[in-house]
Amino acid sequence: MLAVQPTTAGQMMRCFKCGGFWLDANTANNLTAKEVDTFRRISINSTFLSGGSGVCPAEGQRLVKYSGEQVPMNVVVERCDRCGKWWFPGDNLYKFKPALEAKRNYLRLWGLPMTTGILLPLILLAILAGGAVVGVRMVREEQRTRVEAALKLKEFSVNYTGGGKAVVVFKTPQAVSKIDYRMKRSGGWRTAEVEVINEYKAATLTNIVEGETYIIRILGWEYEYKAN
């Protein structure tokens, strides 16, 4: 039985019998190792682990073990290829987050690009043109709730992909052909065209300066986002 595990990075479910975590790529990528370490450790009964169904709780589709440079060899993680969510059995999320942060710090210190092999891939990767998105970051949770209530804007997320570009992804039943954005401390509004990709809408922001904060405006509502 899955129950909500509160986090600052997004929605996550947890099985409080086996200790496993069920979450999307956004949350897995943006949780910090420090926050994960605050989650209560669970004493796991080995006989209970052998009784799992191995299927996605949302889709009923069999989970597939994932292996790639985003996941350390000593970490077990499975994915539903239909909904794109991830299952970290047992204490594997506790192992994954410190390893991810260590890798990011290594690349940062050596001045190496962090656009590949870092974040868990989104289901959107297969359909977004050019493979520019390697992950997205949920921003301003308090504003997200406000916007969803007013606009039915869902899963709003932003990712700085390097090279002065950031990708905005969101869902809404309303027609949106463009979004506006500007640097918070100065500058006028710029416009990015919106592309419809299945049930998602996506737009690429250009001339983004890493470390700067931007205001993103969709249908009159504004989000604040720091490019990093």
Protein backbone atom coordinates (compact mmCIF):
# COMPACT_ATOMS: atom_id res chain seq x y z
CA MET A 1 0.00 0.00 0.00
CA LEU A 2 1.48 3.35 -1.07
CA ALA A 3 1.11 6.52 1.00
CA VAL A 4 2.22 10.10 0.37
CA GLN A 5 5.76 10.95 1.50
CA PRO A 6 5.95 14.78 1.76
CA THR A 7 8.92 16.40 -0.02
CA THR A 8 9.98 19.88 -1.08
CA ALA A 9 10.69 18.72 -4.66
CA GLY A 10 7.35 17.26 -5.72
CA GLN A 11 4.95 14.42 -5.14
CA MET A 12 6.29 11.09 -3.96
CA MET A 13 4.65 7.92 -2.69
CA ARG A 14 6.16 5.38 -0.34
CA CYS A 15 5.45 1.84 0.72
CA PHE A 16 5.78 1.82 4.48
CA LYS A 17 6.09 -1.98 4.54
CA CYS A 18 8.99 -2.51 2.13
CA GLY A 19 10.41 1.04 2.33
CA GLY A 20 10.31 1.60 -1.44
CA PHE A 21 9.77 5.02 -3.07
CA TRP A 22 7.52 5.71 -6.09
CA LEU A 23 8.14 9.06 -7.81
CA ASP A 24 8.53 10.86 -11.11
CA ALA A 25 11.84 11.93 -12.64
CA ASN A 26 11.34 15.59 -11.62
CA THR A 27 11.15 14.67 -7.95
CA ALA A 28 13.93 12.08 -8.08
CA ASN A 29 16.29 14.52 -9.79
CA ASN A 30 15.59 17.49 -7.53
CA LEU A 31 15.38 15.92 -4.11
CA THR A 32 18.52 16.57 -2.11
CA ALA A 33 20.47 13.86 -0.33
CA LYS A 34 20.05 15.89 2.87
CA GLU A 35 16.26 15.76 2.61
CA VAL A 36 16.20 12.06 1.72
CA ASP A 37 18.30 11.35 4.80
CA THR A 38 15.51 12.84 6.96
CA PHE A 39 13.01 10.22 5.74
CA ARG A 40 12.35 7.56 8.32
CA ARG A 41 14.27 4.35 7.73
CA ILE A 42 12.12 1.23 7.71
CA SER A 43 13.09 -2.20 9.03
CA ILE A 44 12.30 -4.44 6.06
CA ASN A 45 11.01 -7.96 6.36
CA SER A 46 12.79 -9.97 3.65
CA THR A 47 9.79 -12.29 3.23
CA PHE A 48 7.59 -9.31 2.37
CA LEU A 49 9.93 -8.19 -0.41
CA SER A 50 9.53 -11.49 -2.23
CA GLY A 51 5.78 -10.96 -2.55
CA GLY A 52 5.80 -7.83 -4.67
CA SER A 53 3.88 -7.76 -7.95
CA GLY A 54 6.54 -5.88 -9.92
CA VAL A 55 3.96 -3.82 -11.81
CA CYS A 56 3.29 -0.09 -12.05
CA PRO A 57 0.69 1.02 -9.46
CA ALA A 58 -0.78 3.49 -11.96
CA GLU A 59 -0.67 1.57 -15.25
CA GLY A 60 -0.54 -2.09 -14.22
CA GLN A 61 2.37 -2.53 -16.60
CA ARG A 62 5.42 -4.56 -15.59
CA LEU A 63 8.28 -2.44 -14.31
CA VAL A 64 11.57 -2.62 -16.18
CA LYS A 65 14.92 -2.54 -14.39
CA TYR A 66 16.84 0.53 -15.53
CA SER A 67 20.56 0.64 -16.12
CA GLY A 68 22.49 3.59 -17.48
CA GLU A 69 25.10 6.16 -16.57
CA GLN A 70 22.49 8.05 -14.53
CA VAL A 71 22.25 5.19 -12.01
CA PRO A 72 25.20 3.78 -10.00
CA MET A 73 25.86 0.07 -10.43
CA ASN A 74 25.04 -0.62 -6.76
CA VAL A 75 21.60 1.04 -7.02
CA VAL A 76 18.47 -0.81 -8.13
CA VAL A 77 15.77 1.24 -9.84
CA GLU A 78 12.85 0.24 -12.04
CA ARG A 79 10.68 2.25 -14.39
CA CYS A 80 7.25 2.12 -15.97
CA ASP A 81 7.78 2.78 -19.67
CA ARG A 82 4.19 3.95 -20.04
CA CYS A 83 3.85 6.64 -17.34
CA GLY A 84 7.59 7.27 -16.88
CA LYS A 85 7.61 7.01 -13.08
CA TRP A 86 10.35 5.32 -11.08
CA TRP A 87 10.42 2.72 -8.32
CA PHE A 88 13.33 2.69 -5.86
CA PRO A 89 12.97 -0.51 -3.80
CA GLY A 90 14.18 -0.71 -0.21
CA ASP A 91 16.85 1.85 0.65
CA ASN A 92 18.06 2.45 -2.92
CA LEU A 93 16.93 6.09 -2.97
CA TYR A 94 19.22 6.70 0.03
CA LYS A 95 22.13 5.42 -2.09
CA PHE A 96 21.10 7.17 -5.30
CA LYS A 97 20.92 10.77 -4.10
CA PRO A 98 24.42 11.09 -2.57
CA ALA A 99 25.89 9.42 -5.67
CA LEU A 100 24.03 11.81 -8.00
CA GLU A 101 25.19 14.86 -6.05
CA ALA A 102 28.79 13.60 -5.94
CA LYS A 103 28.75 13.18 -9.73
CA ARG A 104 27.33 16.65 -10.32
CA ASN A 105 29.92 18.20 -8.00
CA TYR A 106 32.72 16.34 -9.79
CA LEU A 107 31.63 17.61 -13.20
CA ARG A 108 31.18 21.13 -11.88
CA LEU A 109 34.66 21.20 -10.31
CA TRP A 110 36.25 19.90 -13.51
CA GLY A 111 34.31 22.29 -15.72
CA LEU A 112 32.67 19.46 -17.63
CA PRO A 113 29.20 19.74 -19.24
CA MET A 114 26.28 18.42 -17.20
CA THR A 115 23.75 17.99 -20.00
CA THR A 116 24.03 14.20 -20.30
CA GLY A 117 24.38 11.25 -17.97
CA ILE A 118 23.24 13.10 -14.84
CA LEU A 119 19.50 13.23 -14.39
CA LEU A 120 17.01 10.42 -14.70
CA PRO A 121 15.39 10.74 -18.12
CA LEU A 122 11.81 11.91 -18.48
CA ILE A 123 9.25 10.15 -20.61
CA LEU A 124 9.26 13.40 -22.61
CA LEU A 125 12.78 12.67 -23.83
CA ALA A 126 11.44 10.34 -26.49
CA ILE A 127 9.16 12.97 -28.00
CA LEU A 128 10.83 16.34 -27.49
CA ALA A 129 12.66 17.32 -30.66
CA GLY A 130 16.44 17.19 -30.53
CA GLY A 131 16.63 15.54 -27.12
CA ALA A 132 17.40 18.92 -25.56
CA VAL A 133 15.75 18.19 -22.23
CA VAL A 134 17.60 15.99 -19.76
CA GLY A 135 15.33 16.76 -16.82
CA VAL A 136 13.13 19.52 -15.49
CA ARG A 137 12.94 21.28 -12.18
CA MET A 138 9.72 22.13 -10.41
CA VAL A 139 9.78 25.74 -9.23
CA ARG A 140 7.83 27.75 -6.68
CA GLU A 141 5.49 25.12 -5.27
CA GLU A 142 3.26 27.72 -3.64
CA GLN A 143 2.72 29.44 -7.00
CA ARG A 144 2.18 26.14 -8.77
CA THR A 145 -0.81 25.40 -6.53
CA ARG A 146 -2.24 28.86 -7.18
CA VAL A 147 -1.79 28.60 -10.93
CA GLU A 148 -3.26 25.12 -11.16
CA ALA A 149 -6.38 26.27 -9.36
CA ALA A 150 -6.88 29.27 -11.63
CA LEU A 151 -5.70 27.96 -14.99
CA LYS A 152 -5.71 24.20 -14.66
CA LEU A 153 -1.99 24.49 -15.37
CA LYS A 154 -0.34 21.23 -14.36
CA GLU A 155 3.17 19.79 -14.17
CA PHE A 156 4.80 23.14 -14.80
CA SER A 157 8.56 22.66 -14.81
CA VAL A 158 11.70 24.32 -16.16
CA ASN A 159 15.18 23.05 -16.94
CA TYR A 160 18.28 24.99 -17.85
CA THR A 161 19.95 22.78 -20.48
CA GLY A 162 23.11 24.84 -21.01
CA GLY A 163 24.17 26.97 -23.95
CA GLY A 164 21.85 29.79 -22.90
CA LYS A 165 18.70 27.67 -23.28
CA ALA A 166 15.98 26.54 -20.88
CA VAL A 167 12.99 24.35 -21.64
CA VAL A 168 9.56 25.01 -20.12
CA VAL A 169 7.11 22.09 -20.00
CA PHE A 170 3.52 22.17 -18.75
CA LYS A 171 0.01 20.84 -19.23
CA THR A 172 -3.16 22.87 -19.66
CA PRO A 173 -6.43 22.33 -21.53
CA GLN A 174 -6.32 25.95 -22.65
CA ALA A 175 -4.82 26.98 -25.99
CA VAL A 176 -1.37 28.55 -25.59
CA SER A 177 0.64 29.64 -28.62
CA LYS A 178 3.39 31.54 -26.83
CA ILE A 179 4.80 32.39 -23.41
CA ASP A 180 6.63 35.50 -22.26
CA TYR A 181 9.75 35.72 -20.15
CA ARG A 182 12.23 38.29 -18.90
CA MET A 183 15.16 38.65 -16.55
CA LYS A 184 13.83 39.65 -13.14
CA ARG A 185 16.33 42.41 -12.39
CA SER A 186 16.24 44.09 -15.81
CA GLY A 187 15.19 43.79 -19.44
CA GLY A 188 11.96 43.69 -21.39
CA TRP A 189 9.69 40.79 -22.16
CA ARG A 190 10.70 38.22 -24.77
CA THR A 191 8.50 35.62 -26.42
CA ALA A 192 8.91 31.88 -26.96
CA GLU A 193 6.70 29.85 -29.27
CA VAL A 194 4.84 26.90 -27.72
CA GLU A 195 4.92 23.44 -29.29
CA VAL A 196 2.23 20.88 -28.52
CA ILE A 197 3.65 17.41 -27.80
CA ASN A 198 0.96 14.87 -27.00
CA GLU A 199 -0.75 16.22 -23.86
CA TYR A 200 2.20 18.45 -23.01
CA LYS A 201 3.14 21.93 -24.18
CA ALA A 202 6.79 22.95 -24.39
CA ALA A 203 8.73 26.11 -25.19
CA THR A 204 12.46 26.82 -25.43
CA LEU A 205 13.76 30.02 -23.82
CA THR A 206 16.92 31.45 -25.38
CA ASN A 207 19.68 33.85 -24.27
CA ILE A 208 19.32 32.61 -20.71
CA VAL A 209 22.13 33.57 -18.34
CA GLU A 210 23.01 30.86 -15.83
CA GLY A 211 22.50 32.00 -12.24
CA GLU A 212 20.04 34.74 -13.16
CA THR A 213 16.39 34.74 -12.05
CA TYR A 214 13.66 34.99 -14.68
CA ILE A 215 9.94 35.69 -14.69
CA ILE A 216 7.95 33.35 -16.94
CA ARG A 217 4.43 34.45 -17.84
CA ILE A 218 1.77 32.02 -19.10
CA LEU A 219 -1.80 33.21 -19.76
CA GLY A 220 -1.20 36.23 -17.53
CA TRP A 221 0.16 34.29 -14.55
CA GLU A 222 3.82 34.48 -13.56
CA TYR A 223 6.42 32.01 -12.33
CA GLU A 224 9.84 32.89 -10.94
CA TYR A 225 12.70 30.66 -12.06
CA LYS A 226 16.45 30.70 -11.36
CA ALA A 227 18.56 29.22 -14.15
CA ASN A 228 20.98 26.65 -12.74
